[in-house]
C-alpha atoms as a PDB file:
ATOM      1  CA  MET A   1      13.881  -7.471   8.820  1.00  0.00           C
ATOM      2  CA  ALA A   2      11.717  -9.874   7.667  1.00  0.00           C
ATOM      3  CA  LEU A   3       9.693 -10.505   4.421  1.00  0.00           C
ATOM      4  CA  PHE A   4       5.983  -9.906   4.862  1.00  0.00           C
ATOM      5  CA  PRO A   5       3.088 -10.629   2.648  1.00  0.00           C
ATOM      6  CA  LEU A   6       0.005  -8.261   2.134  1.00  0.00           C
ATOM      7  CA  SER A   7      -2.600  -8.161  -0.413  1.00  0.00           C
ATOM      8  CA  SER A   8      -3.011  -4.953  -2.024  1.00  0.00           C
ATOM      9  CA  ASN A   9      -6.467  -3.391  -3.341  1.00  0.00           C
ATOM     10  CA  PHE A  10      -5.184  -0.469  -5.516  1.00  0.00           C
ATOM     11  CA  GLU A  11      -6.951   2.334  -5.901  1.00  0.00           C
ATOM     12  CA  GLY A  12      -8.895   2.475  -9.145  1.00  0.00           C
ATOM     13  CA  ASP A  13      -7.313  -1.043 -10.357  1.00  0.00           C
ATOM     14  CA  PHE A  14      -9.694  -3.670 -10.113  1.00  0.00           C
ATOM     15  CA  VAL A  15      -7.371  -6.778  -8.945  1.00  0.00           C
ATOM     16  CA  VAL A  16      -5.687  -7.763  -5.698  1.00  0.00           C
ATOM     17  CA  GLN A  17      -1.600  -8.070  -5.933  1.00  0.00           C
ATOM     18  CA  LEU A  18      -0.329 -10.287  -3.392  1.00  0.00           C
ATOM     19  CA  VAL A  19       3.361  -7.553  -2.654  1.00  0.00           C
ATOM     20  CA  VAL A  20       6.231  -9.000  -0.376  1.00  0.00           C
ATOM     21  CA  VAL A  21       7.320  -5.568   0.927  1.00  0.00           C
ATOM     22  CA  ASP A  22       9.792  -5.786   4.153  1.00  0.00           C
ATOM     23  CA  ASP A  23       8.871  -5.473   7.807  1.00  0.00           C
ATOM     24  CA  GLY A  24      11.118  -2.419   8.236  1.00  0.00           C
ATOM     25  CA  ALA A  25       8.914  -0.920   5.218  1.00  0.00           C
ATOM     26  CA  THR A  26       7.507   2.373   5.917  1.00  0.00           C
ATOM     27  CA  MET A  27       3.983   3.405   4.462  1.00  0.00           C
ATOM     28  CA  ASP A  28       5.949   5.270   1.397  1.00  0.00           C
ATOM     29  CA  GLU A  29       7.871   2.784   0.193  1.00  0.00           C
ATOM     30  CA  VAL A  30       4.337  -0.308   0.350  1.00  0.00           C
ATOM     31  CA  ALA A  31       2.489   2.587  -1.223  1.00  0.00           C
ATOM     32  CA  SER A  32       5.627   2.210  -3.752  1.00  0.00           C
ATOM     33  CA  ALA A  33       6.385  -1.095  -3.913  1.00  0.00           C
ATOM     34  CA  CYS A  34       2.296  -2.332  -4.686  1.00  0.00           C
ATOM     35  CA  ALA A  35       2.316   0.821  -7.476  1.00  0.00           C
ATOM     36  CA  VAL A  36       4.530  -1.228  -9.443  1.00  0.00           C
ATOM     37  CA  HIS A  37       1.798  -3.621 -10.291  1.00  0.00           C
ATOM     38  CA  SER A  38      -0.900  -1.036 -10.962  1.00  0.00           C
ATOM     39  CA  ILE A  39       0.129   1.912 -12.226  1.00  0.00           C
ATOM     40  CA  ASP A  40       0.949   2.140 -15.859  1.00  0.00           C
ATOM     41  CA  ARG A  41      -0.175  -1.602 -16.219  1.00  0.00           C
ATOM     42  CA  ARG A  42      -4.423  -0.665 -14.856  1.00  0.00           C
ATOM     43  CA  VAL A  43      -4.258   2.435 -13.263  1.00  0.00           C
ATOM     44  CA  ALA A  44      -3.756   6.130 -14.933  1.00  0.00           C
ATOM     45  CA  PRO A  45      -0.560   8.402 -12.803  1.00  0.00           C
ATOM     46  CA  ARG A  46      -1.656  10.814 -11.364  1.00  0.00           C
ATOM     47  CA  PRO A  47       0.869  13.510 -11.344  1.00  0.00           C
ATOM     48  CA  GLY A  48      -0.199  15.517  -7.535  1.00  0.00           C
ATOM     49  CA  LYS A  49      -0.645  13.412  -5.989  1.00  0.00           C
ATOM     50  CA  VAL A  50       0.363  11.600  -2.376  1.00  0.00           C
ATOM     51  CA  LEU A  51      -0.028   7.560  -2.423  1.00  0.00           C
ATOM     52  CA  ARG A  52      -1.154   6.107   1.626  1.00  0.00           C
ATOM     53  CA  ILE A  53      -1.877   3.481   2.786  1.00  0.00           C
ATOM     54  CA  ARG A  54      -5.140   2.852   4.776  1.00  0.00           C
ATOM     55  CA  ARG A  55      -6.088  -0.585   6.273  1.00  0.00           C
ATOM     56  CA  HIS A  56      -9.384  -1.861   4.285  1.00  0.00           C
ATOM     57  CA  SER A  57     -11.231  -3.671   7.145  1.00  0.00           C
ATOM     58  CA  THR A  58     -11.120  -0.050   9.286  1.00  0.00           C
ATOM     59  CA  GLY A  59     -10.257   3.063   6.567  1.00  0.00           C
ATOM     60  CA  GLU A  60      -7.371   3.944   9.133  1.00  0.00           C
ATOM     61  CA  LEU A  61      -4.975   6.305   7.030  1.00  0.00           C
ATOM     62  CA  TYR A  62      -1.369   5.267   8.216  1.00  0.00           C
ATOM     63  CA  PRO A  63       1.181   7.676   8.446  1.00  0.00           C
ATOM     64  CA  ARG A  64       4.133   7.346   6.221  1.00  0.00           C
ATOM     65  CA  GLU A  65       6.804   6.983   7.504  1.00  0.00           C
ATOM     66  CA  MET A  66       5.137   4.196   9.793  1.00  0.00           C
ATOM     67  CA  LEU A  67       7.092   0.925   9.652  1.00  0.00           C
ATOM     68  CA  VAL A  68       4.807  -2.211   8.203  1.00  0.00           C
ATOM     69  CA  LYS A  69       6.004  -3.817  12.178  1.00  0.00           C
ATOM     70  CA  ASN A  70       4.286  -1.547  13.936  1.00  0.00           C
ATOM     71  CA  THR A  71       0.785  -1.496  11.930  1.00  0.00           C
ATOM     72  CA  GLY A  72      -0.596  -4.978  13.663  1.00  0.00           C
ATOM     73  CA  LEU A  73      -1.305  -6.113  10.323  1.00  0.00           C
ATOM     74  CA  MET A  74      -1.378  -9.482   9.463  1.00  0.00           C
ATOM     75  CA  PRO A  75       0.766 -11.566   6.557  1.00  0.00           C
ATOM     76  CA  THR A  76      -2.023 -11.348   4.010  1.00  0.00           C
ATOM     77  CA  GLU A  77      -4.310  -8.736   5.224  1.00  0.00           C
ATOM     78  CA  THR A  78      -5.711  -5.901   2.581  1.00  0.00           C
ATOM     79  CA  ILE A  79      -4.102  -2.561   2.204  1.00  0.00           C
ATOM     80  CA  ASP A  80      -5.563  -0.261   0.235  1.00  0.00           C
ATOM     81  CA  VAL A  81      -3.622   2.681  -1.964  1.00  0.00           C
ATOM     82  CA  ILE A  82      -5.181   5.846  -2.573  1.00  0.00           C
ATOM     83  CA  PHE A  83      -4.248   9.027  -4.051  1.00  0.00           C
ATOM     84  CA  SER A  84      -3.784  12.184  -2.557  1.00  0.00           C
ATOM     85  CA  ASP A  85      -3.769  15.301  -1.989  1.00  0.00           C
ATOM     86  CA  ILE A  86      -1.108  15.145   1.418  1.00  0.00           C
END
């Protein structure tokens, strides 16, 4: 396992955060790591919604169980963290 930096563009936030995650983390774990820097700071929680990760450059939504190392993301690449119904 290796540390992997990503730029987090969190829905509703005006700050892009550099978040370091493990390359063996799932997209759900990445979303949680990003949420720590935005939820209840500059973004209100949205009960009943699920946080999802998508590639910023293409809008590709990643499966929640996909591992960082299998996404093809490059270090410091920007991801979007969005609120979703599923």
